Amino acid sequence: MTDDGYYNSLLKGDSGALKRALYKSMGFTENALKKPLVAVVNTYTNATPGHFNLNELCCQVERGIAAAGGTAMTFGTIAPCDGIAEGHMGMRYILPSRDLITASVECMVRAHRFDGMVLLGSCDKIVPGLLMAAARLDIPAIFLNGGPMLPASYKGKHYDGNIVTEAVGWKARGEIGEAEFKEIEDLAEPCVGSCAMLGTANTMGCMAEAMGMSLPGTAAVPAVYSKRLQAAYDTGEAVMELIRGGITARRIITGESIENAMAVLMGMGGSTNGIMHLQAIYKEAGLGELPLTKFGEMSGRIPQVASVYPASPYDMADFYEAGGVPAVMKELELFLHTGCLCCNGRTVAENLSRAAHSTAREVIRTAENPFHPTGGVAVLTGNMAPMGAVVKPAAIPDGLLRFTGTARVFGSEQEACAAILAGDIRPGTMVVLRYEGPKGGPGMPEMYRPMKCLEGMGLSDSCAVVTDGRFSGSNRGCFVGHISPEAYEGGVLALVENGDSIAIDVPAGSLELLVDEPELERRRGRWTRPEKDVEPGYLNTYRRISKSAAQGAVVE
């Protein structure tokens, strides 16, 4: 507290008079301005279903802050939806938006020198962008997600919204007609919230909780439940305790707490995108670079104790009812750094002492009887990916964990989807999608649709996809992404030709192009970097300043 009664240093004394006057112009009282000023970063938009309920949560957070003795001040930032951006040029902006979100929060918070902040977000790149901002700014901070959507129900079975993309394949094969296709479209997304499966959005919400940046038990609460509103109020109160205790974000986001998040990522079989986002958060926390090899090592010793759609029939609502993140961490307790501090002021050990073991063993098993003895997300290396590539064993059929296929090379997602839906892809094909990395894309778009098209065409058990692009957390089947170095930088992926054999061996952690080195050298001599036409603007900047996917695709 400053000597004239103002907590916030900008408002102190004569030099703070203009700032006080500007705040008073909006109705803030003298008493309100003497309290800690807490930023509420509200990424609400009615253009993104995962963020549609954030205004309601924002009101609850503000009430909690006020009840605990603070003054809330709200601002927003961008929040694009992956589902709406997929399949066209818009997807190239999704990953780059992460770093813009981080920078926009940094600009506002440092310009106003807020005393703490609550970060509200739900969707794929918004969550890591907000967590990166917390790590960069190192002020008292808590993250709250908007919560997952409830599942769709179709013919007695639950689905997430990606049933629509699968239905495209069903219709192409003549299994459903136009009327049934329209019915599926209308029921696919039954309410607001982040997508109902363990995609990147819900993975990152769970990672925030696992590293202690969200209140225990909040990540998986469905968006439409009253408990989600209660969690928002509690979050507003909790950030005030952090401010009073002087507990800043880097007291919570540490090397050990990020390892806890990595363990939960492996233990849940979350989205492969979680790897690059944890790398970016690690770097923003001033911890240096988090190598892919660390994820590979951890995947080899962490059992997969949870199985959630798309890896199983059980969706995020089922996962919540099964105990959510606390129940997963309870099973993985021996693998965790239990002395880490969490945003509720307790250690991981103290929080887990209050958590219960799951009784829904079809969703969350014990570490002694896991779904798989190793992690649900893994890293591959080999001549195709000397810097690494990522894969999701939790979503791969057992028969494809070791797979050698014949390359069919495509220059774009659209070309690949057209070939798949036209019936031009046969079992045993390795679909190769290249020049889709951070620089080559540019923007490292998701190769979501080709995997969904393979699934819709009944080929997901007999084909694989390899790319320097990313995948959606909703994808299932044999897919390898984040291949580094990317093709645009002259990686071996650029040298693949139609008819080549490619071998994926997930248990052995290898990805090999079965072409001898002399032939690869001949191909290198003929290779020229293709340049895509990109509209003037941010993508050109991102291409210039982004780093490899193996380094989290961060910008510098």
Protein backbone atom coordinates (compact mmCIF):
# COMPACT_ATOMS: atom_id res chain seq x y z
CA MET A 1 0.00 0.00 0.00
CA THR A 2 1.38 3.41 -0.93
CA ASP A 3 1.47 6.19 1.66
CA ASP A 4 -1.52 8.14 0.26
CA GLY A 5 -3.83 5.16 0.28
CA TYR A 6 -3.54 4.09 -3.37
CA TYR A 7 -2.48 0.47 -3.91
CA ASN A 8 -1.62 0.96 -7.57
CA SER A 9 1.63 2.88 -7.97
CA LEU A 10 0.43 4.75 -11.09
CA LEU A 11 -2.32 6.46 -9.10
CA LYS A 12 -0.09 7.80 -6.30
CA GLY A 13 0.49 11.49 -5.68
CA ASP A 14 0.18 14.45 -8.01
CA SER A 15 1.63 12.48 -10.92
CA GLY A 16 -1.29 10.07 -10.60
CA ALA A 17 -3.97 12.76 -10.70
CA LEU A 18 -4.56 12.61 -14.46
CA LYS A 19 -4.77 8.81 -14.35
CA ARG A 20 -7.28 9.04 -11.50
CA ALA A 21 -9.29 11.62 -13.41
CA LEU A 22 -9.43 9.42 -16.50
CA TYR A 23 -10.70 6.48 -14.47
CA LYS A 24 -13.22 8.72 -12.67
CA SER A 25 -14.62 9.75 -16.07
CA MET A 26 -15.95 6.18 -16.35
CA GLY A 27 -17.54 6.22 -12.90
CA PHE A 28 -14.77 4.71 -10.79
CA THR A 29 -14.93 6.21 -7.30
CA GLU A 30 -12.09 7.38 -5.10
CA ASN A 31 -12.60 4.35 -2.87
CA ALA A 32 -12.52 1.95 -5.84
CA LEU A 33 -9.29 3.48 -7.14
CA LYS A 34 -7.57 2.97 -3.80
CA LYS A 35 -7.96 -0.80 -4.15
CA PRO A 36 -5.77 -3.13 -6.25
CA LEU A 37 -6.64 -2.72 -9.93
CA VAL A 38 -7.21 -6.16 -11.47
CA ALA A 39 -7.29 -6.68 -15.23
CA VAL A 40 -9.91 -9.12 -16.44
CA VAL A 41 -8.83 -10.21 -19.91
CA ASN A 42 -12.17 -11.18 -21.44
CA THR A 43 -11.82 -12.77 -24.88
CA TYR A 44 -15.59 -12.86 -25.44
CA THR A 45 -16.88 -12.94 -28.99
CA ASN A 46 -20.15 -14.13 -30.50
CA ALA A 47 -18.16 -15.43 -33.46
CA THR A 48 -16.55 -18.29 -31.50
CA PRO A 49 -18.75 -20.75 -29.54
CA GLY A 50 -16.07 -21.51 -26.98
CA HIS A 51 -16.04 -17.82 -26.00
CA PHE A 52 -19.74 -16.99 -26.23
CA ASN A 53 -20.33 -17.48 -22.49
CA LEU A 54 -17.33 -15.46 -21.31
CA ASN A 55 -19.30 -12.26 -20.63
CA GLU A 56 -21.31 -14.13 -18.01
CA LEU A 57 -18.12 -15.51 -16.48
CA CYS A 58 -16.55 -12.06 -16.61
CA CYS A 59 -19.39 -10.64 -14.51
CA GLN A 60 -18.88 -13.37 -11.93
CA VAL A 61 -15.12 -12.79 -11.84
CA GLU A 62 -15.71 -9.06 -11.33
CA ARG A 63 -18.07 -9.82 -8.44
CA GLY A 64 -15.49 -12.09 -6.84
CA ILE A 65 -12.78 -9.45 -7.19
CA ALA A 66 -15.02 -6.78 -5.66
CA ALA A 67 -16.05 -9.04 -2.77
CA ALA A 68 -12.39 -9.71 -1.99
CA GLY A 69 -11.42 -6.03 -2.00
CA GLY A 70 -10.28 -5.28 -5.55
CA THR A 71 -11.44 -3.22 -8.51
CA ALA A 72 -11.87 -5.05 -11.81
CA MET A 73 -11.08 -3.44 -15.16
CA THR A 74 -11.90 -5.40 -18.29
CA PHE A 75 -10.42 -5.51 -21.76
CA GLY A 76 -10.44 -7.99 -24.64
CA THR A 77 -8.35 -9.42 -27.42
CA ILE A 78 -8.87 -11.54 -30.54
CA ALA A 79 -10.21 -15.10 -30.34
CA PRO A 80 -10.48 -16.87 -33.72
CA CYS A 81 -12.20 -20.27 -33.96
CA ASP A 82 -10.21 -23.15 -35.46
CA GLY A 83 -13.36 -24.83 -36.76
CA ILE A 84 -14.45 -21.77 -38.71
CA ALA A 85 -10.89 -21.12 -39.94
CA GLU A 86 -10.21 -24.71 -41.06
CA GLY A 87 -10.02 -25.70 -44.70
CA HIS A 88 -9.11 -22.30 -46.15
CA MET A 89 -6.56 -19.50 -45.84
CA GLY A 90 -7.92 -18.61 -42.42
CA MET A 91 -6.30 -21.64 -40.80
CA ARG A 92 -2.88 -20.16 -41.54
CA TYR A 93 -3.67 -17.35 -39.11
CA ILE A 94 -4.63 -19.54 -36.15
CA LEU A 95 -1.22 -20.46 -34.72
CA PRO A 96 0.24 -16.98 -35.44
CA SER A 97 -2.70 -15.49 -33.52
CA ARG A 98 -1.33 -17.08 -30.34
CA ASP A 99 1.64 -14.74 -30.21
CA LEU A 100 -0.48 -11.72 -31.15
CA ILE A 101 -2.74 -12.47 -28.17
CA THR A 102 0.28 -12.65 -25.88
CA ALA A 103 1.61 -9.34 -27.17
CA SER A 104 -1.77 -7.58 -26.95
CA VAL A 105 -2.19 -8.57 -23.29
CA GLU A 106 1.38 -7.47 -22.59
CA CYS A 107 0.76 -4.06 -24.18
CA MET A 108 -2.42 -3.34 -22.22
CA VAL A 109 -1.20 -4.62 -18.85
CA ARG A 110 2.13 -2.82 -18.99
CA ALA A 111 0.53 0.37 -20.29
CA HIS A 112 -1.85 0.45 -17.31
CA ARG A 113 0.42 -1.36 -14.84
CA PHE A 114 -2.39 -3.44 -13.38
CA ASP A 115 -1.75 -5.14 -10.05
CA GLY A 116 -2.98 -8.57 -11.16
CA MET A 117 -5.10 -10.22 -13.82
CA VAL A 118 -7.65 -12.92 -14.53
CA LEU A 119 -7.42 -14.46 -17.99
CA LEU A 120 -10.65 -15.74 -19.59
CA GLY A 121 -10.44 -17.93 -22.68
CA SER A 122 -11.32 -21.35 -24.05
CA CYS A 123 -10.17 -22.12 -27.56
CA ASP A 124 -7.10 -23.65 -29.07
CA LYS A 125 -4.54 -20.86 -29.41
CA ILE A 126 -6.21 -18.36 -27.10
CA VAL A 127 -5.50 -20.43 -23.97
CA PRO A 128 -1.75 -20.79 -24.57
CA GLY A 129 -1.55 -17.16 -25.72
CA LEU A 130 -3.02 -16.04 -22.39
CA LEU A 131 -0.77 -18.34 -20.37
CA MET A 132 2.26 -17.08 -22.29
CA ALA A 133 1.21 -13.53 -21.37
CA ALA A 134 1.00 -14.48 -17.69
CA ALA A 135 4.48 -16.00 -17.84
CA ARG A 136 5.89 -12.97 -19.68
CA LEU A 137 4.35 -10.34 -17.41
CA ASP A 138 4.98 -12.16 -14.11
CA ILE A 139 2.25 -10.47 -12.10
CA PRO A 140 -0.36 -12.26 -9.95
CA ALA A 141 -2.56 -14.09 -12.46
CA ILE A 142 -5.15 -16.87 -12.75
CA PHE A 143 -6.59 -18.47 -15.88
CA LEU A 144 -10.21 -19.61 -16.22
CA ASN A 145 -11.54 -21.43 -19.26
CA GLY A 146 -15.11 -21.18 -20.49
CA GLY A 147 -15.68 -24.91 -20.29
CA PRO A 148 -16.36 -27.70 -22.78
CA MET A 149 -19.51 -28.10 -24.83
CA LEU A 150 -21.91 -30.95 -24.15
CA PRO A 151 -21.80 -33.68 -26.82
CA ALA A 152 -24.13 -34.15 -29.76
CA SER A 153 -26.42 -37.18 -29.74
CA TYR A 154 -27.02 -39.05 -33.00
CA LYS A 155 -28.65 -42.47 -33.32
CA GLY A 156 -28.06 -43.26 -29.66
CA LYS A 157 -24.37 -42.35 -29.73
CA HIS A 158 -22.50 -39.25 -28.56
CA TYR A 159 -20.30 -37.26 -30.96
CA ASP A 160 -18.42 -34.01 -31.00
CA GLY A 161 -19.00 -31.46 -33.74
CA ASN A 162 -16.54 -33.15 -36.06
CA ILE A 163 -19.29 -35.62 -36.93
CA VAL A 164 -20.08 -33.09 -39.68
CA THR A 165 -16.75 -33.64 -41.44
CA GLU A 166 -17.09 -37.41 -41.11
CA ALA A 167 -20.59 -37.12 -42.55
CA VAL A 168 -19.12 -35.55 -45.68
CA GLY A 169 -17.41 -38.90 -46.27
CA TRP A 170 -20.56 -40.85 -45.42
CA LYS A 171 -22.49 -38.84 -47.97
CA ALA A 172 -19.75 -39.28 -50.59
CA ARG A 173 -19.98 -43.06 -50.07
CA GLY A 174 -23.77 -43.02 -50.37
CA GLU A 175 -24.37 -44.06 -46.76
CA ILE A 176 -26.54 -41.02 -46.00
CA GLY A 177 -28.58 -38.64 -48.12
CA GLU A 178 -28.84 -34.85 -48.17
CA ALA A 179 -31.68 -34.71 -45.63
CA GLU A 180 -29.77 -36.78 -43.06
CA PHE A 181 -26.63 -34.76 -43.73
CA LYS A 182 -28.57 -31.57 -42.92
CA GLU A 183 -29.94 -33.19 -39.76
CA ILE A 184 -26.39 -33.97 -38.61
CA GLU A 185 -25.32 -30.39 -39.30
CA ASP A 186 -28.17 -29.06 -37.15
CA LEU A 187 -27.47 -31.27 -34.12
CA ALA A 188 -23.67 -31.38 -34.21
CA GLU A 189 -22.99 -28.42 -31.90
CA PRO A 190 -25.77 -28.50 -29.26
CA CYS A 191 -24.66 -25.60 -27.05
CA VAL A 192 -21.87 -23.12 -26.41
CA GLY A 193 -18.45 -24.17 -25.14
CA SER A 194 -15.16 -25.48 -26.42
CA CYS A 195 -15.49 -28.62 -28.55
CA ALA A 196 -16.75 -31.67 -26.66
CA MET A 197 -13.65 -33.79 -27.21
CA LEU A 198 -10.09 -33.66 -25.87
CA GLY A 199 -8.88 -31.32 -28.60
CA THR A 200 -6.35 -28.55 -28.17
CA ALA A 201 -8.79 -26.23 -26.40
CA ASN A 202 -9.67 -28.66 -23.63
CA THR A 203 -6.14 -30.05 -23.53
CA MET A 204 -4.77 -26.59 -22.80
CA GLY A 205 -7.47 -25.90 -20.22
CA CYS A 206 -6.38 -29.08 -18.48
CA MET A 207 -2.70 -28.10 -18.82
CA ALA A 208 -3.44 -24.77 -17.12
CA GLU A 209 -4.97 -26.62 -14.19
CA ALA A 210 -2.16 -29.18 -14.09
CA MET A 211 0.50 -26.46 -13.85
CA GLY A 212 -1.43 -24.70 -11.09
CA MET A 213 -2.69 -21.68 -13.05
CA SER A 214 -6.39 -22.58 -12.69
CA LEU A 215 -8.32 -23.51 -9.58
CA PRO A 216 -8.38 -27.29 -8.99
CA GLY A 217 -11.27 -29.10 -10.61
CA THR A 218 -12.34 -26.25 -12.91
CA ALA A 219 -10.91 -27.18 -16.33
CA ALA A 220 -13.49 -29.80 -17.31
CA VAL A 221 -16.66 -28.22 -15.86
CA PRO A 222 -19.07 -27.99 -18.84
CA ALA A 223 -19.73 -24.48 -20.13
CA VAL A 224 -23.45 -24.56 -19.37
CA TYR A 225 -23.21 -25.79 -15.76
CA SER A 226 -23.85 -23.47 -12.83
CA LYS A 227 -20.59 -24.71 -11.31
CA ARG A 228 -18.79 -22.89 -14.14
CA LEU A 229 -20.26 -19.59 -12.88
CA GLN A 230 -19.29 -20.46 -9.32
CA ALA A 231 -15.74 -21.20 -10.47
CA ALA A 232 -15.59 -17.73 -12.03
CA TYR A 233 -16.59 -16.06 -8.77
CA ASP A 234 -14.04 -18.15 -6.84
CA THR A 235 -11.37 -17.20 -9.39
CA GLY A 236 -12.04 -13.49 -8.78
CA GLU A 237 -11.61 -13.99 -5.05
CA ALA A 238 -8.50 -16.13 -5.50
CA VAL A 239 -6.60 -13.59 -7.61
CA MET A 240 -6.94 -11.12 -4.74
CA GLU A 241 -5.26 -13.60 -2.41
CA LEU A 242 -2.37 -13.88 -4.89
CA ILE A 243 -2.05 -10.08 -5.00
CA ARG A 244 -2.06 -9.78 -1.22
CA GLY A 245 0.48 -12.59 -0.95
CA GLY A 246 2.74 -11.18 -3.68
CA ILE A 247 2.54 -14.49 -5.57
CA THR A 248 3.31 -13.78 -9.20
CA ALA A 249 2.87 -16.05 -12.22
CA ARG A 250 6.47 -17.27 -12.29
CA ARG A 251 6.10 -18.54 -8.73
CA ILE A 252 3.52 -20.94 -10.19
CA ILE A 253 4.79 -21.43 -13.77
CA THR A 254 8.11 -23.12 -13.08
CA GLY A 255 10.14 -25.83 -14.76
CA GLU A 256 8.66 -28.36 -12.35
CA SER A 257 5.06 -27.24 -12.79
CA ILE A 258 5.42 -27.42 -16.57
CA GLU A 259 6.78 -30.96 -16.14
CA ASN A 260 3.59 -31.70 -14.20
CA ALA A 261 1.59 -30.41 -17.15
CA MET A 262 3.69 -32.54 -19.50
CA ALA A 263 2.97 -35.61 -17.36
CA VAL A 264 -0.77 -34.90 -17.45
CA LEU A 265 -0.59 -34.35 -21.24
CA MET A 266 0.97 -37.81 -21.58
CA GLY A 267 -1.35 -39.34 -19.01
CA MET A 268 -4.47 -38.03 -20.77
CA GLY A 269 -3.36 -38.50 -24.36
CA GLY A 270 -4.12 -34.86 -25.10
CA SER A 271 -3.65 -32.90 -28.30
CA THR A 272 -0.25 -33.00 -29.99
CA ASN A 273 -0.46 -29.19 -30.15
CA GLY A 274 -0.02 -29.19 -26.37
CA ILE A 275 3.67 -29.90 -26.89
CA MET A 276 4.45 -26.70 -28.80
CA HIS A 277 2.31 -24.62 -26.48
CA LEU A 278 4.06 -25.89 -23.36
CA GLN A 279 7.38 -25.16 -25.08
CA ALA A 280 6.23 -21.58 -25.72
CA ILE A 281 5.00 -21.07 -22.14
CA TYR A 282 8.30 -22.47 -20.82
CA LYS A 283 10.24 -19.97 -22.90
CA GLU A 284 8.04 -17.04 -21.84
CA ALA A 285 8.63 -17.98 -18.20
CA GLY A 286 12.34 -17.26 -18.70
CA LEU A 287 13.28 -20.94 -18.52
CA GLY A 288 15.00 -21.21 -21.92
CA GLU A 289 14.13 -23.85 -24.49
CA LEU A 290 12.20 -27.02 -23.68
CA PRO A 291 13.50 -29.63 -26.12
CA LEU A 292 11.30 -32.20 -27.84
CA THR A 293 13.59 -34.88 -26.44
CA LYS A 294 12.22 -34.11 -22.97
CA PHE A 295 8.71 -34.97 -24.16
CA GLY A 296 10.02 -38.15 -25.75
CA GLU A 297 11.74 -39.19 -22.53
CA MET A 298 8.65 -38.43 -20.45
CA SER A 299 6.34 -40.26 -22.85
CA GLY A 300 8.42 -43.38 -22.32
CA ARG A 301 7.77 -43.48 -18.58
CA ILE A 302 4.34 -41.88 -18.03
CA PRO A 303 1.38 -44.28 -18.37
CA GLN A 304 -1.74 -43.19 -20.18
CA VAL A 305 -4.37 -43.40 -17.44
CA ALA A 306 -7.21 -41.46 -19.11
CA SER A 307 -8.87 -42.04 -22.45
CA VAL A 308 -11.17 -39.37 -23.84
CA TYR A 309 -12.75 -38.85 -27.27
CA PRO A 310 -11.37 -39.05 -29.98
CA ALA A 311 -9.27 -41.81 -28.39
CA SER A 312 -12.37 -43.40 -26.80
CA PRO A 313 -16.17 -43.05 -26.86
CA TYR A 314 -16.08 -40.89 -23.70
CA ASP A 315 -16.33 -37.11 -24.14
CA MET A 316 -15.34 -34.20 -21.91
CA ALA A 317 -18.60 -34.33 -19.96
CA ASP A 318 -17.82 -37.96 -19.14
CA PHE A 319 -14.29 -36.95 -18.17
CA TYR A 320 -15.67 -34.28 -15.83
CA GLU A 321 -18.03 -36.77 -14.19
CA ALA A 322 -15.09 -39.19 -13.84
CA GLY A 323 -13.18 -36.67 -11.73
CA GLY A 324 -11.38 -34.54 -14.33
CA VAL A 325 -7.82 -33.32 -13.94
CA PRO A 326 -7.60 -33.90 -10.15
CA ALA A 327 -8.47 -37.58 -10.65
CA VAL A 328 -5.80 -37.94 -13.36
CA MET A 329 -3.19 -36.23 -11.18
CA LYS A 330 -4.21 -38.46 -8.27
CA GLU A 331 -3.30 -41.53 -10.34
CA LEU A 332 -0.06 -39.92 -11.56
CA GLU A 333 0.95 -38.52 -8.17
CA LEU A 334 4.17 -40.54 -7.97
CA PHE A 335 5.29 -38.97 -11.28
CA LEU A 336 4.56 -35.36 -10.23
CA HIS A 337 6.43 -32.59 -8.45
CA THR A 338 3.97 -32.34 -5.58
CA GLY A 339 5.67 -29.39 -3.89
CA CYS A 340 4.68 -27.00 -6.69
CA LEU A 341 2.55 -24.01 -5.66
CA CYS A 342 -0.90 -23.58 -7.20
CA CYS A 343 -3.01 -20.47 -7.66
CA ASN A 344 -5.22 -21.32 -4.67
CA GLY A 345 -2.18 -20.93 -2.41
CA ARG A 346 -1.81 -24.66 -1.77
CA THR A 347 0.75 -27.12 -3.08
CA VAL A 348 -0.07 -29.92 -5.50
CA ALA A 349 0.26 -32.38 -2.60
CA GLU A 350 -2.24 -30.41 -0.50
CA ASN A 351 -4.71 -30.20 -3.36
CA LEU A 352 -4.40 -33.90 -4.16
CA SER A 353 -5.01 -34.79 -0.52
CA ARG A 354 -8.47 -33.31 -1.06
CA ALA A 355 -9.04 -35.09 -4.40
CA ALA A 356 -10.70 -38.48 -4.85
CA HIS A 357 -9.75 -41.41 -7.04
CA SER A 358 -12.03 -41.87 -10.01
CA THR A 359 -14.66 -44.57 -9.81
CA ALA A 360 -15.28 -44.38 -13.59
CA ARG A 361 -12.48 -46.74 -14.58
CA GLU A 362 -13.67 -46.86 -18.18
CA VAL A 363 -12.47 -43.23 -18.41
CA ILE A 364 -9.68 -42.89 -15.83
CA ARG A 365 -7.67 -45.95 -14.79
CA THR A 366 -4.90 -46.48 -12.26
CA ALA A 367 -1.21 -46.12 -13.09
CA GLU A 368 -0.87 -49.85 -12.37
CA ASN A 369 -3.57 -50.75 -14.91
CA PRO A 370 -3.35 -48.00 -17.55
CA PHE A 371 -4.81 -47.85 -21.02
CA HIS A 372 -1.22 -47.86 -22.31
CA PRO A 373 2.04 -48.24 -20.36
CA THR A 374 3.52 -45.21 -22.11
CA GLY A 375 2.25 -41.72 -22.84
CA GLY A 376 -0.62 -40.87 -25.15
CA VAL A 377 1.52 -38.25 -26.94
CA ALA A 378 5.00 -39.14 -28.24
CA VAL A 379 7.97 -37.87 -30.24
CA LEU A 380 9.51 -39.56 -33.30
CA THR A 381 12.95 -38.97 -34.81
CA GLY A 382 14.74 -40.35 -37.85
CA ASN A 383 16.03 -39.23 -41.22
CA MET A 384 12.69 -37.57 -41.98
CA ALA A 385 12.65 -35.70 -38.66
CA PRO A 386 16.12 -35.25 -37.17
CA MET A 387 14.78 -32.43 -34.94
CA GLY A 388 11.67 -34.46 -34.13
CA ALA A 389 8.03 -34.98 -35.03
CA VAL A 390 4.99 -35.56 -32.85
CA VAL A 391 2.39 -38.30 -32.82
CA LYS A 392 -0.59 -39.28 -30.68
CA PRO A 393 -0.45 -43.01 -29.88
CA ALA A 394 -3.66 -42.66 -27.85
CA ALA A 395 -5.59 -42.05 -31.09
CA ILE A 396 -3.77 -44.59 -33.33
CA PRO A 397 -5.25 -48.04 -34.02
CA ASP A 398 -2.96 -50.75 -32.66
CA GLY A 399 -2.40 -52.13 -36.15
CA LEU A 400 -0.91 -48.84 -37.33
CA LEU A 401 1.56 -48.23 -34.50
CA ARG A 402 4.09 -49.83 -36.86
CA PHE A 403 3.23 -48.95 -40.44
CA THR A 404 5.12 -48.80 -43.71
CA GLY A 405 3.26 -47.15 -46.56
CA THR A 406 3.70 -45.89 -50.10
CA ALA A 407 4.03 -42.13 -50.40
CA ARG A 408 1.46 -40.06 -52.23
CA VAL A 409 2.68 -36.46 -52.16
CA PHE A 410 0.37 -33.45 -52.09
CA GLY A 411 1.13 -29.75 -52.14
CA SER A 412 -2.00 -28.71 -50.29
CA GLU A 413 -4.70 -29.94 -47.93
CA GLN A 414 -7.33 -29.24 -50.58
CA GLU A 415 -5.58 -31.47 -53.16
CA ALA A 416 -5.33 -34.31 -50.66
CA CYS A 417 -8.99 -34.08 -49.63
CA ALA A 418 -10.13 -34.05 -53.26
CA ALA A 419 -8.13 -37.20 -54.00
CA ILE A 420 -9.41 -38.99 -50.89
CA LEU A 421 -13.07 -38.14 -51.50
CA ALA A 422 -12.72 -39.09 -55.20
CA GLY A 423 -11.61 -42.60 -54.17
CA ASP A 424 -8.06 -42.15 -55.50
CA ILE A 425 -6.37 -43.21 -52.25
CA ARG A 426 -5.90 -46.91 -51.60
CA PRO A 427 -5.15 -48.81 -48.38
CA GLY A 428 -1.44 -48.78 -47.57
CA THR A 429 -0.97 -45.17 -48.69
CA MET A 430 1.18 -42.68 -46.78
CA VAL A 431 -0.43 -39.30 -47.52
CA VAL A 432 2.38 -36.71 -47.51
CA LEU A 433 1.46 -33.06 -46.95
CA ARG A 434 4.37 -30.66 -47.03
CA TYR A 435 5.27 -26.96 -47.08
CA GLU A 436 2.76 -26.47 -44.26
CA GLY A 437 5.14 -25.66 -41.37
CA PRO A 438 5.51 -22.32 -39.55
CA LYS A 439 7.44 -20.80 -42.46
CA GLY A 440 6.19 -22.93 -45.34
CA GLY A 441 2.49 -22.63 -44.59
CA PRO A 442 3.06 -19.98 -43.54
CA GLY A 443 1.42 -20.27 -40.15
CA MET A 444 1.55 -24.08 -39.70
CA PRO A 445 -2.13 -24.83 -40.44
CA GLU A 446 -3.90 -27.93 -39.17
CA MET A 447 -4.19 -30.87 -41.56
CA TYR A 448 -7.50 -31.74 -39.93
CA ARG A 449 -9.65 -32.40 -42.96
CA PRO A 450 -7.50 -35.07 -44.72
CA MET A 451 -7.61 -37.28 -41.60
CA LYS A 452 -11.36 -36.77 -41.26
CA CYS A 453 -11.83 -37.52 -44.97
CA LEU A 454 -9.85 -40.76 -44.58
CA GLU A 455 -12.10 -41.64 -41.67
CA GLY A 456 -15.25 -40.86 -43.61
CA MET A 457 -14.01 -42.97 -46.54
CA GLY A 458 -13.20 -45.94 -44.31
CA LEU A 459 -9.41 -45.58 -44.76
CA SER A 460 -8.32 -44.44 -41.28
CA ASP A 461 -7.32 -48.00 -40.32
CA SER A 462 -5.18 -48.57 -43.41
CA CYS A 463 -3.55 -45.22 -44.31
CA ALA A 464 -1.45 -42.60 -42.55
CA VAL A 465 -0.73 -38.89 -42.93
CA VAL A 466 2.69 -37.27 -42.41
CA THR A 467 3.22 -33.52 -42.53
CA ASP A 468 5.19 -30.54 -41.28
CA GLY A 469 1.82 -28.99 -40.45
CA ARG A 470 -0.24 -29.59 -37.33
CA PHE A 471 -3.25 -31.73 -36.50
CA SER A 472 -6.44 -31.04 -34.64
CA GLY A 473 -6.84 -32.64 -31.25
CA SER A 474 -10.03 -34.16 -32.68
CA ASN A 475 -8.14 -36.29 -35.19
CA ARG A 476 -7.81 -40.02 -34.77
CA GLY A 477 -5.87 -42.49 -36.86
CA CYS A 478 -2.18 -42.70 -37.76
CA PHE A 479 -0.87 -39.18 -38.22
CA VAL A 480 2.55 -37.62 -37.71
CA GLY A 481 2.93 -33.85 -37.58
CA HIS A 482 5.37 -31.06 -36.70
CA ILE A 483 8.09 -32.74 -38.81
CA SER A 484 11.25 -30.71 -38.27
CA PRO A 485 13.12 -29.35 -40.12
CA GLU A 486 10.11 -28.45 -42.23
CA ALA A 487 10.13 -28.88 -46.00
CA TYR A 488 10.39 -25.12 -46.59
CA GLU A 489 13.75 -25.14 -44.79
CA GLY A 490 15.03 -28.01 -46.93
CA GLY A 491 14.14 -30.87 -44.61
CA VAL A 492 14.01 -34.42 -45.95
CA LEU A 493 10.23 -34.10 -46.21
CA ALA A 494 10.87 -31.86 -49.22
CA LEU A 495 12.66 -34.73 -50.98
CA VAL A 496 9.88 -37.35 -50.79
CA GLU A 497 8.57 -38.57 -54.15
CA ASN A 498 5.48 -40.53 -55.11
CA GLY A 499 6.08 -44.24 -54.63
CA ASP A 500 8.71 -43.89 -51.89
CA SER A 501 8.32 -46.07 -48.80
CA ILE A 502 7.99 -44.39 -45.41
CA ALA A 503 8.16 -46.30 -42.13
CA ILE A 504 6.49 -45.17 -38.93
CA ASP A 505 7.43 -47.09 -35.78
CA VAL A 506 5.75 -45.47 -32.78
CA PRO A 507 7.02 -47.94 -30.13
CA ALA A 508 10.58 -47.43 -31.40
CA GLY A 509 10.08 -43.66 -31.78
CA SER A 510 11.23 -43.55 -35.41
CA LEU A 511 10.15 -41.99 -38.70
CA GLU A 512 12.21 -43.04 -41.73
CA LEU A 513 12.13 -42.35 -45.45
CA LEU A 514 13.38 -45.63 -46.93
CA VAL A 515 15.55 -44.02 -49.59
CA ASP A 516 19.34 -44.29 -49.51
CA GLU A 517 21.50 -41.26 -48.81
CA PRO A 518 23.12 -41.03 -52.30
CA GLU A 519 19.67 -40.75 -53.85
CA LEU A 520 18.63 -38.15 -51.29
CA GLU A 521 21.75 -36.14 -52.14
CA ARG A 522 20.81 -36.23 -55.83
CA ARG A 523 17.34 -34.98 -54.95
CA ARG A 524 18.80 -32.20 -52.79
CA GLY A 525 20.77 -30.99 -55.75
CA ARG A 526 17.57 -30.63 -57.79
CA TRP A 527 15.42 -29.09 -55.04
CA THR A 528 14.26 -25.49 -55.16
CA ARG A 529 12.16 -23.85 -52.47
CA PRO A 530 8.62 -23.14 -53.69
CA GLU A 531 7.13 -19.79 -52.77
CA LYS A 532 3.41 -19.42 -52.14
CA ASP A 533 1.50 -16.28 -52.88
CA VAL A 534 0.67 -14.72 -49.53
CA GLU A 535 -1.40 -11.60 -49.07
CA PRO A 536 0.55 -8.65 -47.63
CA GLY A 537 0.27 -8.58 -43.87
CA TYR A 538 1.02 -10.51 -40.72
CA LEU A 539 1.69 -13.92 -42.29
CA ASN A 540 4.74 -12.54 -44.05
CA THR A 541 5.99 -11.17 -40.73
CA TYR A 542 5.29 -14.48 -39.00
CA ARG A 543 7.20 -16.41 -41.68
CA ARG A 544 10.19 -14.16 -41.13
CA ILE A 545 10.30 -14.27 -37.32
CA SER A 546 8.88 -17.71 -36.38
CA LYS A 547 11.04 -20.55 -35.19
CA SER A 548 10.78 -24.27 -35.90
CA ALA A 549 7.88 -26.37 -34.69
CA ALA A 550 10.49 -28.30 -32.70
CA GLN A 551 11.03 -25.06 -30.74
CA GLY A 552 7.36 -24.32 -30.16
CA ALA A 553 6.94 -22.16 -33.29
CA VAL A 554 7.55 -19.11 -31.10
CA VAL A 555 8.32 -15.72 -32.58
CA GLU A 556 11.46 -13.75 -31.84
